Amino acid sequence: MTVRFRQAIRETGLGPHAETSPLAAYLAAEQRLGRVRDDVDPEASARLLVAGCFHRAYIEMFVGADAGPAREVSAREIVRELRLEPVPQPA
């Protein structure tokens, strides 16, 4: 079953890149506009952002929504630690 699943994923062009590529492109566009820091790697940040979301979903599913920090707190932590907070714009 796993082999067939992997084959189907490859044949349809789906897979992890289908989730992270659009997000990486968005982060790169925001970077070009000066709203994401220059030292941020859009590809790596996209993968880590998705991983953080999956981790939060895993906790909620298997341990409960009240386990760990609230969703909003988790989201802020991920954004802060990936250095994705908005860059202050000159006045």
C-alpha atoms as a PDB file:
ATOM      1  CA  MET A   1       0.000   0.000   0.000  1.00  0.00           C
ATOM      2  CA  THR A   2       2.779   2.424   0.875  1.00  0.00           C
ATOM      3  CA  VAL A   3       4.565   1.743  -2.409  1.00  0.00           C
ATOM      4  CA  ARG A   4       1.370   2.419  -4.377  1.00  0.00           C
ATOM      5  CA  PHE A   5       0.743   5.595  -2.400  1.00  0.00           C
ATOM      6  CA  ARG A   6       4.254   6.871  -3.114  1.00  0.00           C
ATOM      7  CA  GLN A   7       3.875   6.019  -6.785  1.00  0.00           C
ATOM      8  CA  ALA A   8       0.559   7.889  -6.984  1.00  0.00           C
ATOM      9  CA  ILE A   9       2.102  10.922  -5.281  1.00  0.00           C
ATOM     10  CA  ARG A  10       4.963  10.966  -7.782  1.00  0.00           C
ATOM     11  CA  GLU A  11       2.665  10.479 -10.776  1.00  0.00           C
ATOM     12  CA  THR A  12       0.349  13.313  -9.757  1.00  0.00           C
ATOM     13  CA  GLY A  13       3.140  15.703  -8.816  1.00  0.00           C
ATOM     14  CA  LEU A  14       1.854  16.004  -5.286  1.00  0.00           C
ATOM     15  CA  GLY A  15       3.957  15.702  -2.189  1.00  0.00           C
ATOM     16  CA  PRO A  16       5.626  17.962   0.353  1.00  0.00           C
ATOM     17  CA  HIS A  17       6.692  20.517  -2.267  1.00  0.00           C
ATOM     18  CA  ALA A  18       3.024  21.095  -3.163  1.00  0.00           C
ATOM     19  CA  GLU A  19       2.551  22.571   0.321  1.00  0.00           C
ATOM     20  CA  THR A  20       5.810  24.430   0.713  1.00  0.00           C
ATOM     21  CA  SER A  21       6.509  25.823  -2.774  1.00  0.00           C
ATOM     22  CA  PRO A  22       3.626  28.350  -2.808  1.00  0.00           C
ATOM     23  CA  LEU A  23       4.470  29.436   0.739  1.00  0.00           C
ATOM     24  CA  ALA A  24       8.162  29.823  -0.141  1.00  0.00           C
ATOM     25  CA  ALA A  25       7.210  31.882  -3.199  1.00  0.00           C
ATOM     26  CA  TYR A  26       5.015  34.108  -1.022  1.00  0.00           C
ATOM     27  CA  LEU A  27       7.811  34.588   1.522  1.00  0.00           C
ATOM     28  CA  ALA A  28      10.280  35.403  -1.278  1.00  0.00           C
ATOM     29  CA  ALA A  29       7.847  37.970  -2.710  1.00  0.00           C
ATOM     30  CA  GLU A  30       7.419  39.549   0.722  1.00  0.00           C
ATOM     31  CA  GLN A  31      11.202  39.573   1.049  1.00  0.00           C
ATOM     32  CA  ARG A  32      11.576  41.424  -2.267  1.00  0.00           C
ATOM     33  CA  LEU A  33       9.064  43.985  -0.991  1.00  0.00           C
ATOM     34  CA  GLY A  34      11.153  44.445   2.159  1.00  0.00           C
ATOM     35  CA  ARG A  35       8.555  42.973   4.500  1.00  0.00           C
ATOM     36  CA  VAL A  36      10.571  39.832   5.338  1.00  0.00           C
ATOM     37  CA  ARG A  37      14.183  40.092   6.471  1.00  0.00           C
ATOM     38  CA  ASP A  38      16.933  39.582   3.904  1.00  0.00           C
ATOM     39  CA  ASP A  39      18.611  36.851   5.961  1.00  0.00           C
ATOM     40  CA  VAL A  40      15.514  34.606   5.909  1.00  0.00           C
ATOM     41  CA  ASP A  41      15.694  31.535   3.653  1.00  0.00           C
ATOM     42  CA  PRO A  42      12.179  31.338   2.124  1.00  0.00           C
ATOM     43  CA  GLU A  43      12.427  27.608   1.260  1.00  0.00           C
ATOM     44  CA  ALA A  44      13.689  26.533   4.682  1.00  0.00           C
ATOM     45  CA  SER A  45      11.242  28.844   6.451  1.00  0.00           C
ATOM     46  CA  ALA A  46       8.325  27.435   4.451  1.00  0.00           C
ATOM     47  CA  ARG A  47       9.271  23.871   5.411  1.00  0.00           C
ATOM     48  CA  LEU A  48       9.708  24.803   9.077  1.00  0.00           C
ATOM     49  CA  LEU A  49       6.472  26.792   9.161  1.00  0.00           C
ATOM     50  CA  VAL A  50       4.516  23.838   7.769  1.00  0.00           C
ATOM     51  CA  ALA A  51       6.299  21.520  10.222  1.00  0.00           C
ATOM     52  CA  GLY A  52       5.275  23.752  13.121  1.00  0.00           C
ATOM     53  CA  CYS A  53       1.657  23.678  11.952  1.00  0.00           C
ATOM     54  CA  PHE A  54       1.725  19.897  11.630  1.00  0.00           C
ATOM     55  CA  HIS A  55       3.211  19.615  15.124  1.00  0.00           C
ATOM     56  CA  ARG A  56       0.453  21.793  16.569  1.00  0.00           C
ATOM     57  CA  ALA A  57      -2.211  19.729  14.767  1.00  0.00           C
ATOM     58  CA  TYR A  58      -0.613  16.513  16.071  1.00  0.00           C
ATOM     59  CA  ILE A  59      -0.742  17.782  19.656  1.00  0.00           C
ATOM     60  CA  GLU A  60      -4.376  18.839  19.315  1.00  0.00           C
ATOM     61  CA  MET A  61      -5.385  15.557  17.714  1.00  0.00           C
ATOM     62  CA  PHE A  62      -3.624  13.168  20.057  1.00  0.00           C
ATOM     63  CA  VAL A  63      -3.280  15.080  23.326  1.00  0.00           C
ATOM     64  CA  GLY A  64      -6.033  17.690  23.153  1.00  0.00           C
ATOM     65  CA  ALA A  65      -6.499  21.308  22.163  1.00  0.00           C
ATOM     66  CA  ASP A  66      -5.810  22.439  25.720  1.00  0.00           C
ATOM     67  CA  ALA A  67      -2.342  20.832  25.772  1.00  0.00           C
ATOM     68  CA  GLY A  68       0.516  23.249  25.368  1.00  0.00           C
ATOM     69  CA  PRO A  69       0.211  26.889  24.406  1.00  0.00           C
ATOM     70  CA  ALA A  70      -2.878  28.228  22.661  1.00  0.00           C
ATOM     71  CA  ARG A  71      -2.949  28.214  18.851  1.00  0.00           C
ATOM     72  CA  GLU A  72      -2.359  31.953  18.643  1.00  0.00           C
ATOM     73  CA  VAL A  73       0.626  31.726  20.987  1.00  0.00           C
ATOM     74  CA  SER A  74       2.057  28.813  18.993  1.00  0.00           C
ATOM     75  CA  ALA A  75       1.618  30.748  15.744  1.00  0.00           C
ATOM     76  CA  ARG A  76       3.344  33.824  17.167  1.00  0.00           C
ATOM     77  CA  GLU A  77       6.221  31.687  18.495  1.00  0.00           C
ATOM     78  CA  ILE A  78       6.760  30.044  15.111  1.00  0.00           C
ATOM     79  CA  VAL A  79       6.679  33.349  13.221  1.00  0.00           C
ATOM     80  CA  ARG A  80       9.009  35.020  15.737  1.00  0.00           C
ATOM     81  CA  GLU A  81      11.544  32.199  15.852  1.00  0.00           C
ATOM     82  CA  LEU A  82      11.644  31.903  12.055  1.00  0.00           C
ATOM     83  CA  ARG A  83      12.260  35.688  11.925  1.00  0.00           C
ATOM     84  CA  LEU A  84       9.124  36.172   9.830  1.00  0.00           C
ATOM     85  CA  GLU A  85       7.743  39.102  11.800  1.00  0.00           C
ATOM     86  CA  PRO A  86       7.060  42.144   9.619  1.00  0.00           C
ATOM     87  CA  VAL A  87      10.062  44.389   9.032  1.00  0.00           C
ATOM     88  CA  PRO A  88       9.410  47.901  10.343  1.00  0.00           C
ATOM     89  CA  GLN A  89       8.929  50.222   7.385  1.00  0.00           C
ATOM     90  CA  PRO A  90      10.502  53.693   7.409  1.00  0.00           C
ATOM     91  CA  ALA A  91       8.070  56.475   8.199  1.00  0.00           C
END
